Amino acid sequence: DDYSTIEKDHGRIEQRHCRICSDVDWLKQRHDWEGLAAIVEVSLTTERNGTSSTYCRYYICSLAMTAKAALYVVRSHWGIENKLHWVLDVVFKEDHARVRSGNGAKNMAIVRHIITNLLRQVQGKASLKVKRKKAAWSVEFLEKLLRQEL
């Protein structure tokens, strides 16, 4: 099964092609992967300013699905990942964090996720970055944020 999409946006053309191979019994036996249902290949060709680049990624899947559904799942997963990591980098400058050893990095990631979720609960149009600054400047706002009274 295969499925393709073409999108023109932000000055580039992106063509995605997804193929699914459901004939995976040989692989399940060879690697003892119980529950394996398919191998998914997703290729992305991007054209911008006359330059073209192609990337290919492979996934294993435990669900039987169409190529169209698989492409949707892959794009949704990366959309969520990119959205979260963009927020963590912009709001918390996570890429510049110096904590890298032991459990410190994991602990700080958990703290950042909790804070992000708390800040998202605050009503209003202010960005997460602005809400974070307000919490740093105002003890009253910070206390209400932690008590979830906003």
N, C-alpha and C. Protein backbone atom coordinates (compact mmCIF):
# COMPACT_ATOMS: atom_id res chain seq x y z
N ASP A 1 0.85 -1.18 0.00
CA ASP A 1 0.00 0.00 0.00
C ASP A 1 0.90 1.24 0.00
N ASP A 2 0.51 2.27 -0.73
CA ASP A 2 1.28 3.52 -0.71
C ASP A 2 0.34 4.71 -0.86
N TYR A 3 0.84 5.87 -0.41
CA TYR A 3 0.04 7.09 -0.43
C TYR A 3 0.99 8.27 -0.51
N SER A 4 0.62 9.30 -1.28
CA SER A 4 1.47 10.48 -1.44
C SER A 4 0.68 11.76 -1.22
N THR A 5 1.39 12.79 -0.75
CA THR A 5 0.81 14.13 -0.63
C THR A 5 1.81 15.14 -1.16
N ILE A 6 1.28 16.27 -1.62
CA ILE A 6 2.12 17.39 -2.05
C ILE A 6 1.56 18.65 -1.39
N GLU A 7 2.44 19.42 -0.76
CA GLU A 7 2.03 20.66 -0.11
C GLU A 7 2.95 21.78 -0.56
N LYS A 8 2.34 22.93 -0.84
CA LYS A 8 3.10 24.13 -1.19
C LYS A 8 2.83 25.16 -0.11
N ASP A 9 3.89 25.49 0.65
CA ASP A 9 3.71 26.42 1.76
C ASP A 9 5.07 26.96 2.19
N HIS A 10 5.10 28.17 2.70
CA HIS A 10 6.32 28.79 3.23
C HIS A 10 7.46 28.81 2.21
N GLY A 11 7.13 28.99 0.94
CA GLY A 11 8.16 29.10 -0.09
C GLY A 11 8.82 27.79 -0.47
N ARG A 12 8.20 26.68 -0.13
CA ARG A 12 8.77 25.39 -0.49
C ARG A 12 7.66 24.43 -0.92
N ILE A 13 8.07 23.40 -1.62
CA ILE A 13 7.16 22.33 -2.02
C ILE A 13 7.61 21.07 -1.31
N GLU A 14 6.70 20.43 -0.59
CA GLU A 14 7.02 19.20 0.12
C GLU A 14 6.18 18.06 -0.42
N GLN A 15 6.86 17.02 -0.85
CA GLN A 15 6.18 15.83 -1.33
C GLN A 15 6.50 14.68 -0.38
N ARG A 16 5.45 14.11 0.20
CA ARG A 16 5.63 12.98 1.11
C ARG A 16 5.08 11.73 0.44
N HIS A 17 5.81 10.65 0.62
CA HIS A 17 5.37 9.36 0.07
C HIS A 17 5.51 8.32 1.17
N CYS A 18 4.42 7.60 1.42
CA CYS A 18 4.41 6.58 2.47
C CYS A 18 4.12 5.23 1.84
N ARG A 19 4.94 4.26 2.21
CA ARG A 19 4.72 2.88 1.76
C ARG A 19 4.66 1.98 2.98
N ILE A 20 3.78 0.98 2.90
CA ILE A 20 3.66 0.03 4.00
C ILE A 20 3.89 -1.37 3.46
N CYS A 21 4.68 -2.12 4.20
CA CYS A 21 4.89 -3.54 3.89
C CYS A 21 4.32 -4.33 5.06
N SER A 22 3.26 -5.10 4.78
CA SER A 22 2.62 -5.90 5.83
C SER A 22 3.11 -7.34 5.84
N ASP A 23 3.94 -7.69 4.87
CA ASP A 23 4.51 -9.04 4.81
C ASP A 23 5.75 -9.08 5.70
N VAL A 24 5.53 -9.22 7.00
CA VAL A 24 6.63 -9.11 7.97
C VAL A 24 6.85 -10.37 8.80
N ASP A 25 6.25 -11.48 8.40
CA ASP A 25 6.42 -12.72 9.17
C ASP A 25 7.88 -13.11 9.31
N TRP A 26 8.63 -12.95 8.23
CA TRP A 26 10.06 -13.30 8.25
C TRP A 26 10.82 -12.46 9.28
N LEU A 27 10.42 -11.20 9.41
CA LEU A 27 11.10 -10.30 10.34
C LEU A 27 10.70 -10.61 11.79
N LYS A 28 9.42 -10.93 11.99
CA LYS A 28 8.95 -11.30 13.32
C LYS A 28 9.69 -12.53 13.83
N GLN A 29 9.89 -13.50 12.95
CA GLN A 29 10.59 -14.73 13.35
C GLN A 29 12.08 -14.47 13.59
N ARG A 30 12.68 -13.70 12.71
CA ARG A 30 14.12 -13.46 12.79
C ARG A 30 14.51 -12.66 14.04
N HIS A 31 13.70 -11.68 14.39
CA HIS A 31 14.03 -10.80 15.52
C HIS A 31 13.12 -10.99 16.73
N ASP A 32 12.22 -11.97 16.65
CA ASP A 32 11.31 -12.26 17.76
C ASP A 32 10.50 -11.03 18.17
N TRP A 33 9.96 -10.33 17.15
CA TRP A 33 9.14 -9.14 17.40
C TRP A 33 7.67 -9.54 17.39
N GLU A 34 7.19 -9.92 18.55
CA GLU A 34 5.79 -10.30 18.64
C GLU A 34 4.92 -9.06 18.50
N GLY A 35 3.86 -9.16 17.74
CA GLY A 35 2.96 -8.04 17.56
C GLY A 35 3.30 -7.14 16.38
N LEU A 36 4.44 -7.38 15.74
CA LEU A 36 4.82 -6.56 14.58
C LEU A 36 3.81 -6.78 13.45
N ALA A 37 3.24 -5.70 12.94
CA ALA A 37 2.24 -5.81 11.88
C ALA A 37 2.72 -5.25 10.55
N ALA A 38 3.65 -4.28 10.59
CA ALA A 38 4.06 -3.65 9.33
C ALA A 38 5.35 -2.87 9.50
N ILE A 39 5.99 -2.64 8.36
CA ILE A 39 7.12 -1.72 8.27
C ILE A 39 6.62 -0.54 7.46
N VAL A 40 6.91 0.66 7.93
CA VAL A 40 6.46 1.87 7.27
C VAL A 40 7.68 2.65 6.78
N GLU A 41 7.63 3.08 5.53
CA GLU A 41 8.67 3.94 4.98
C GLU A 41 8.03 5.27 4.60
N VAL A 42 8.59 6.35 5.11
CA VAL A 42 8.09 7.68 4.77
C VAL A 42 9.25 8.47 4.17
N SER A 43 9.07 8.92 2.93
CA SER A 43 10.10 9.76 2.31
C SER A 43 9.54 11.17 2.13
N LEU A 44 10.42 12.14 2.33
CA LEU A 44 10.06 13.55 2.19
C LEU A 44 11.02 14.19 1.22
N THR A 45 10.48 14.75 0.15
CA THR A 45 11.29 15.51 -0.81
C THR A 45 10.86 16.96 -0.71
N THR A 46 11.83 17.83 -0.42
CA THR A 46 11.57 19.25 -0.26
C THR A 46 12.30 20.02 -1.35
N GLU A 47 11.57 20.92 -2.01
CA GLU A 47 12.17 21.79 -3.02
C GLU A 47 12.02 23.23 -2.56
N ARG A 48 13.16 23.94 -2.53
CA ARG A 48 13.14 25.35 -2.16
C ARG A 48 14.23 26.06 -2.97
N ASN A 49 13.83 27.14 -3.64
CA ASN A 49 14.77 27.94 -4.44
C ASN A 49 15.58 27.09 -5.42
N GLY A 50 14.92 26.12 -6.05
CA GLY A 50 15.58 25.29 -7.04
C GLY A 50 16.45 24.18 -6.48
N THR A 51 16.53 24.07 -5.16
CA THR A 51 17.32 23.02 -4.53
C THR A 51 16.38 21.97 -3.95
N SER A 52 16.73 20.71 -4.16
CA SER A 52 15.90 19.61 -3.72
C SER A 52 16.66 18.73 -2.74
N SER A 53 15.97 18.26 -1.70
CA SER A 53 16.58 17.31 -0.77
C SER A 53 15.54 16.24 -0.41
N THR A 54 16.02 15.02 -0.20
CA THR A 54 15.13 13.91 0.13
C THR A 54 15.62 13.21 1.39
N TYR A 55 14.70 12.93 2.28
CA TYR A 55 14.98 12.19 3.51
C TYR A 55 14.04 11.01 3.57
N CYS A 56 14.52 9.91 4.08
CA CYS A 56 13.71 8.71 4.19
C CYS A 56 13.81 8.19 5.62
N ARG A 57 12.65 7.89 6.21
CA ARG A 57 12.62 7.35 7.58
C ARG A 57 11.82 6.05 7.58
N TYR A 58 12.19 5.17 8.49
CA TYR A 58 11.52 3.88 8.60
C TYR A 58 10.97 3.70 10.01
N TYR A 59 9.80 3.06 10.09
CA TYR A 59 9.15 2.82 11.36
C TYR A 59 8.64 1.39 11.38
N ILE A 60 8.53 0.82 12.58
CA ILE A 60 7.84 -0.45 12.72
C ILE A 60 6.52 -0.16 13.40
N CYS A 61 5.54 -0.99 13.09
CA CYS A 61 4.18 -0.69 13.53
C CYS A 61 3.51 -1.97 14.05
N SER A 62 2.76 -1.85 15.12
CA SER A 62 2.05 -3.00 15.67
C SER A 62 0.58 -3.02 15.24
N LEU A 63 0.18 -2.04 14.45
CA LEU A 63 -1.20 -1.97 13.97
C LEU A 63 -1.25 -2.15 12.47
N ALA A 64 -2.27 -2.85 12.00
CA ALA A 64 -2.49 -2.94 10.56
C ALA A 64 -3.23 -1.67 10.14
N MET A 65 -2.65 -0.93 9.20
CA MET A 65 -3.29 0.31 8.75
C MET A 65 -2.90 0.61 7.31
N THR A 66 -3.62 1.54 6.72
CA THR A 66 -3.31 1.95 5.36
C THR A 66 -2.12 2.91 5.37
N ALA A 67 -1.54 3.12 4.21
CA ALA A 67 -0.42 4.06 4.10
C ALA A 67 -0.89 5.47 4.43
N LYS A 68 -2.11 5.80 4.03
CA LYS A 68 -2.65 7.14 4.34
C LYS A 68 -2.74 7.34 5.85
N ALA A 69 -3.25 6.34 6.56
CA ALA A 69 -3.36 6.44 8.02
C ALA A 69 -1.98 6.50 8.67
N ALA A 70 -1.03 5.72 8.16
CA ALA A 70 0.32 5.71 8.72
C ALA A 70 0.99 7.07 8.56
N LEU A 71 0.81 7.69 7.38
CA LEU A 71 1.40 9.01 7.16
C LEU A 71 0.79 10.03 8.12
N TYR A 72 -0.50 9.94 8.34
CA TYR A 72 -1.17 10.83 9.29
C TYR A 72 -0.61 10.64 10.70
N VAL A 73 -0.43 9.40 11.12
CA VAL A 73 0.10 9.10 12.46
C VAL A 73 1.51 9.65 12.61
N VAL A 74 2.36 9.42 11.61
CA VAL A 74 3.75 9.90 11.67
C VAL A 74 3.79 11.42 11.74
N ARG A 75 3.01 12.08 10.88
CA ARG A 75 3.01 13.55 10.88
C ARG A 75 2.45 14.11 12.17
N SER A 76 1.43 13.48 12.72
CA SER A 76 0.85 13.94 13.98
C SER A 76 1.86 13.81 15.11
N HIS A 77 2.57 12.69 15.14
CA HIS A 77 3.57 12.48 16.18
C HIS A 77 4.65 13.55 16.12
N TRP A 78 5.19 13.80 14.92
CA TRP A 78 6.26 14.79 14.81
C TRP A 78 5.74 16.20 15.03
N GLY A 79 4.48 16.45 14.67
CA GLY A 79 3.90 17.77 14.95
C GLY A 79 3.84 18.05 16.44
N ILE A 80 3.42 17.04 17.20
CA ILE A 80 3.37 17.19 18.65
C ILE A 80 4.77 17.37 19.21
N GLU A 81 5.70 16.53 18.78
CA GLU A 81 7.09 16.62 19.25
C GLU A 81 7.68 17.99 18.96
N ASN A 82 7.51 18.44 17.71
CA ASN A 82 8.09 19.73 17.33
C ASN A 82 7.47 20.89 18.09
N LYS A 83 6.15 20.84 18.28
CA LYS A 83 5.46 21.91 19.00
C LYS A 83 5.95 21.99 20.44
N LEU A 84 6.07 20.84 21.10
CA LEU A 84 6.51 20.83 22.49
C LEU A 84 7.96 21.30 22.60
N HIS A 85 8.84 20.77 21.76
CA HIS A 85 10.25 21.13 21.87
C HIS A 85 10.50 22.58 21.48
N TRP A 86 9.71 23.11 20.56
CA TRP A 86 9.83 24.52 20.20
C TRP A 86 9.50 25.37 21.42
N VAL A 87 8.40 25.04 22.10
CA VAL A 87 8.00 25.78 23.30
C VAL A 87 9.08 25.69 24.37
N LEU A 88 9.60 24.49 24.60
CA LEU A 88 10.63 24.33 25.63
C LEU A 88 11.88 25.13 25.29
N ASP A 89 12.22 25.21 24.02
CA ASP A 89 13.41 25.96 23.64
C ASP A 89 13.17 27.47 23.72
N VAL A 90 12.02 27.93 23.24
CA VAL A 90 11.75 29.37 23.22
C VAL A 90 11.47 29.90 24.63
N VAL A 91 10.64 29.20 25.39
CA VAL A 91 10.24 29.69 26.71
C VAL A 91 11.33 29.45 27.76
N PHE A 92 11.98 28.30 27.69
CA PHE A 92 12.94 27.94 28.73
C PHE A 92 14.39 27.89 28.24
N LYS A 93 14.60 28.18 26.96
CA LYS A 93 15.95 28.11 26.37
C LYS A 93 16.61 26.77 26.70
N GLU A 94 15.83 25.69 26.50
CA GLU A 94 16.28 24.35 26.87
C GLU A 94 17.54 23.92 26.13
N ASP A 95 17.69 24.36 24.89
CA ASP A 95 18.88 23.97 24.13
C ASP A 95 20.17 24.51 24.75
N HIS A 96 20.05 25.56 25.57
CA HIS A 96 21.24 26.15 26.20
C HIS A 96 21.42 25.69 27.65
N ALA A 97 20.58 24.75 28.08
CA ALA A 97 20.68 24.27 29.46
C ALA A 97 22.02 23.58 29.69
N ARG A 98 22.59 23.81 30.84
CA ARG A 98 23.92 23.27 31.14
C ARG A 98 23.84 21.97 31.94
N VAL A 99 22.65 21.62 32.42
CA VAL A 99 22.51 20.39 33.20
C VAL A 99 22.48 19.21 32.24
N ARG A 100 23.52 18.38 32.28
CA ARG A 100 23.60 17.28 31.33
C ARG A 100 23.97 15.94 31.96
N SER A 101 24.35 15.93 33.23
CA SER A 101 24.81 14.67 33.82
C SER A 101 23.86 14.17 34.89
N GLY A 102 23.98 12.88 35.19
CA GLY A 102 23.14 12.28 36.21
C GLY A 102 21.66 12.39 35.88
N ASN A 103 20.86 12.57 36.91
CA ASN A 103 19.41 12.70 36.72
C ASN A 103 18.98 14.15 36.56
N GLY A 104 19.93 15.07 36.63
CA GLY A 104 19.61 16.49 36.56
C GLY A 104 18.85 16.88 35.31
N ALA A 105 19.29 16.40 34.15
CA ALA A 105 18.63 16.75 32.89
C ALA A 105 17.20 16.22 32.86
N LYS A 106 17.00 14.98 33.32
CA LYS A 106 15.65 14.40 33.35
C LYS A 106 14.76 15.16 34.33
N ASN A 107 15.32 15.46 35.49
CA ASN A 107 14.53 16.19 36.50
C ASN A 107 14.12 17.57 36.00
N MET A 108 15.04 18.28 35.37
CA MET A 108 14.72 19.61 34.84
C MET A 108 13.70 19.53 33.71
N ALA A 109 13.78 18.48 32.88
CA ALA A 109 12.79 18.30 31.81
C ALA A 109 11.40 18.11 32.40
N ILE A 110 11.30 17.33 33.47
CA ILE A 110 10.01 17.12 34.14
C ILE A 110 9.48 18.44 34.70
N VAL A 111 10.35 19.20 35.36
CA VAL A 111 9.95 20.49 35.92
C VAL A 111 9.46 21.42 34.81
N ARG A 112 10.18 21.48 33.70
CA ARG A 112 9.78 22.35 32.58
C ARG A 112 8.42 21.94 32.02
N HIS A 113 8.17 20.64 31.92
CA HIS A 113 6.87 20.17 31.41
C HIS A 113 5.75 20.55 32.37
N ILE A 114 5.99 20.39 33.65
CA ILE A 114 4.97 20.77 34.64
C ILE A 114 4.68 22.27 34.55
N ILE A 115 5.73 23.08 34.48
CA ILE A 115 5.55 24.53 34.40
C ILE A 115 4.82 24.91 33.12
N THR A 116 5.18 24.27 32.01
CA THR A 116 4.50 24.55 30.74
C THR A 116 3.01 24.27 30.87
N ASN A 117 2.66 23.13 31.47
CA ASN A 117 1.24 22.79 31.65
C ASN A 117 0.54 23.78 32.57
N LEU A 118 1.20 24.21 33.64
CA LEU A 118 0.60 25.21 34.53
C LEU A 118 0.38 26.54 33.80
N LEU A 119 1.38 26.98 33.05
CA LEU A 119 1.26 28.25 32.32
C LEU A 119 0.16 28.20 31.27
N ARG A 120 -0.05 27.04 30.67
CA ARG A 120 -1.11 26.92 29.66
C ARG A 120 -2.50 27.04 30.27
N GLN A 121 -2.62 26.79 31.57
CA GLN A 121 -3.91 26.90 32.24
C GLN A 121 -4.32 28.35 32.50
N VAL A 122 -3.36 29.26 32.46
CA VAL A 122 -3.64 30.67 32.74
C VAL A 122 -4.45 31.27 31.59
N GLN A 123 -5.58 31.89 31.95
CA GLN A 123 -6.43 32.52 30.95
C GLN A 123 -5.76 33.77 30.39
N GLY A 124 -6.11 34.13 29.19
CA GLY A 124 -5.58 35.35 28.59
C GLY A 124 -4.77 35.06 27.34
N LYS A 125 -4.45 36.14 26.64
CA LYS A 125 -3.78 36.02 25.35
C LYS A 125 -2.26 36.09 25.45
N ALA A 126 -1.73 36.33 26.62
CA ALA A 126 -0.27 36.46 26.77
C ALA A 126 0.42 35.15 26.41
N SER A 127 1.60 35.27 25.85
CA SER A 127 2.38 34.08 25.48
C SER A 127 2.89 33.38 26.72
N LEU A 128 3.32 32.14 26.56
CA LEU A 128 3.89 31.40 27.68
C LEU A 128 5.14 32.10 28.21
N LYS A 129 5.90 32.69 27.31
CA LYS A 129 7.12 33.40 27.71
C LYS A 129 6.77 34.58 28.62
N VAL A 130 5.73 35.33 28.25
CA VAL A 130 5.30 36.49 29.05
C VAL A 130 4.74 36.01 30.40
N LYS A 131 3.95 34.93 30.37
CA LYS A 131 3.39 34.40 31.62
C LYS A 131 4.51 33.92 32.55
N ARG A 132 5.53 33.32 31.99
CA ARG A 132 6.67 32.86 32.80
C ARG A 132 7.39 34.04 33.44
N LYS A 133 7.60 35.10 32.66
CA LYS A 133 8.25 36.30 33.21
C LYS A 133 7.41 36.91 34.33
N LYS A 134 6.09 36.92 34.11
CA LYS A 134 5.20 37.48 35.13
C LYS A 134 5.30 36.68 36.43
N ALA A 135 5.41 35.35 36.31
CA ALA A 135 5.56 34.50 37.49
C ALA A 135 6.89 34.76 38.20
N ALA A 136 7.91 35.11 37.42
CA ALA A 136 9.23 35.41 38.02
C ALA A 136 9.22 36.76 38.72
N TRP A 137 8.43 37.70 38.22
CA TRP A 137 8.42 39.06 38.77
C TRP A 137 7.41 39.26 39.90
N SER A 138 6.36 38.46 39.90
CA SER A 138 5.28 38.67 40.87
C SER A 138 5.08 37.43 41.73
N VAL A 139 5.39 37.55 43.01
CA VAL A 139 5.19 36.43 43.94
C VAL A 139 3.71 36.08 44.02
N GLU A 140 2.86 37.11 43.99
CA GLU A 140 1.41 36.89 44.06
C GLU A 140 0.93 36.05 42.87
N PHE A 141 1.38 36.42 41.67
CA PHE A 141 1.01 35.67 40.46
C PHE A 141 1.55 34.24 40.56
N LEU A 142 2.79 34.08 41.01
CA LEU A 142 3.41 32.76 41.13
C LEU A 142 2.62 31.88 42.10
N GLU A 143 2.23 32.44 43.24
CA GLU A 143 1.45 31.66 44.22
C GLU A 143 0.12 31.23 43.64
N LYS A 144 -0.56 32.13 42.93
CA LYS A 144 -1.84 31.78 42.31
C LYS A 144 -1.64 30.72 41.23
N LEU A 145 -0.55 30.84 40.50
CA LEU A 145 -0.23 29.85 39.45
C LEU A 145 -0.05 28.47 40.07
N LEU A 146 0.72 28.39 41.14
CA LEU A 146 1.00 27.11 41.78
C LEU A 146 -0.24 26.52 42.45
N ARG A 147 -1.15 27.39 42.93
CA ARG A 147 -2.40 26.93 43.52
C ARG A 147 -3.47 26.70 42.46
N GLN A 148 -3.14 27.02 41.24
CA GLN A 148 -4.05 26.91 40.09
C GLN A 148 -5.32 27.72 40.32
N GLU A 149 -5.14 28.95 40.77
CA GLU A 149 -6.26 29.86 41.02
C GLU A 149 -6.43 30.88 39.91
N LEU A 150 -5.76 30.70 38.79
CA LEU A 150 -5.85 31.68 37.70
C LEU A 150 -6.80 31.21 36.63
